[in-house]
Amino acid sequence: MAKRTVDVFLGDKRAYVFCLESSNRSATDYEFIELAKEVMRKNACSDKTVADAHFVVSPA
């Protein structure tokens, strides 16, 4: 199980912090960014908000 923290910035402000897990032990940063985007969409973020966001992945 791989764990990462994903900080999501909108403009110059941190908007969200996600602590995510993947069953794929070798999951890439890209895969964690895609997981964060999925969570944002499930929480009613618009596609524009997701597209405008900047993602920073770090070890959990």
Protein backbone atom coordinates (compact mmCIF):
# COMPACT_ATOMS: atom_id res chain seq x y z
CA MET A 1 0.00 0.00 0.00
CA ALA A 2 1.39 3.39 -1.02
CA LYS A 3 0.46 6.60 0.82
CA ARG A 4 0.98 10.19 -0.28
CA THR A 5 -0.12 13.65 0.74
CA VAL A 6 -1.42 15.82 -2.08
CA ASP A 7 -1.62 19.58 -1.55
CA VAL A 8 -3.97 21.34 -3.97
CA PHE A 9 -3.42 25.02 -4.68
CA LEU A 10 -5.87 27.38 -6.37
CA GLY A 11 -3.97 30.50 -7.27
CA ASP A 12 -1.48 31.15 -4.48
CA LYS A 13 -3.61 29.59 -1.71
CA ARG A 14 -3.75 26.02 -0.53
CA ALA A 15 -7.34 24.90 -1.06
CA TYR A 16 -7.23 21.22 -0.13
CA VAL A 17 -4.94 18.67 1.47
CA PHE A 18 -5.62 15.01 0.74
CA CYS A 19 -3.98 12.02 2.40
CA LEU A 20 -4.45 9.29 -0.17
CA GLU A 21 -3.71 5.58 -0.34
CA SER A 22 -3.27 3.33 -3.33
CA SER A 23 -3.24 -0.44 -3.31
CA ASN A 24 -0.55 -0.19 -6.01
CA ARG A 25 2.71 -0.07 -4.03
CA SER A 26 4.53 1.51 -6.98
CA ALA A 27 1.92 4.19 -7.71
CA THR A 28 3.37 7.29 -9.35
CA ASP A 29 2.81 10.93 -8.43
CA TYR A 30 0.63 11.20 -11.55
CA GLU A 31 -1.67 8.45 -10.23
CA PHE A 32 -2.04 10.27 -6.92
CA ILE A 33 -2.85 13.52 -8.73
CA GLU A 34 -5.55 11.69 -10.68
CA LEU A 35 -6.95 10.31 -7.39
CA ALA A 36 -7.03 13.85 -5.95
CA LYS A 37 -8.86 15.12 -9.06
CA GLU A 38 -11.41 12.32 -8.67
CA VAL A 39 -12.01 13.26 -5.02
CA MET A 40 -12.42 16.92 -5.98
CA ARG A 41 -15.00 16.06 -8.65
CA LYS A 42 -16.91 13.84 -6.22
CA ASN A 43 -17.04 16.82 -3.84
CA ALA A 44 -18.75 19.01 -6.46
CA CYS A 45 -15.68 20.87 -7.76
CA SER A 46 -16.21 22.02 -11.32
CA ASP A 47 -14.04 20.76 -14.17
CA LYS A 48 -12.62 24.31 -14.49
CA THR A 49 -11.58 24.34 -10.82
CA VAL A 50 -9.90 20.96 -11.21
CA ALA A 51 -8.17 22.10 -14.41
CA ASP A 52 -6.93 25.33 -12.77
CA ALA A 53 -5.55 23.57 -9.69
CA HIS A 54 -1.85 22.98 -9.06
CA PHE A 55 -0.98 19.70 -7.32
CA VAL A 56 2.04 18.97 -5.11
CA VAL A 57 2.64 15.36 -4.10
CA SER A 58 4.80 14.46 -1.11
CA PRO A 59 5.38 11.30 0.92
CA ALA A 60 2.70 10.65 3.53
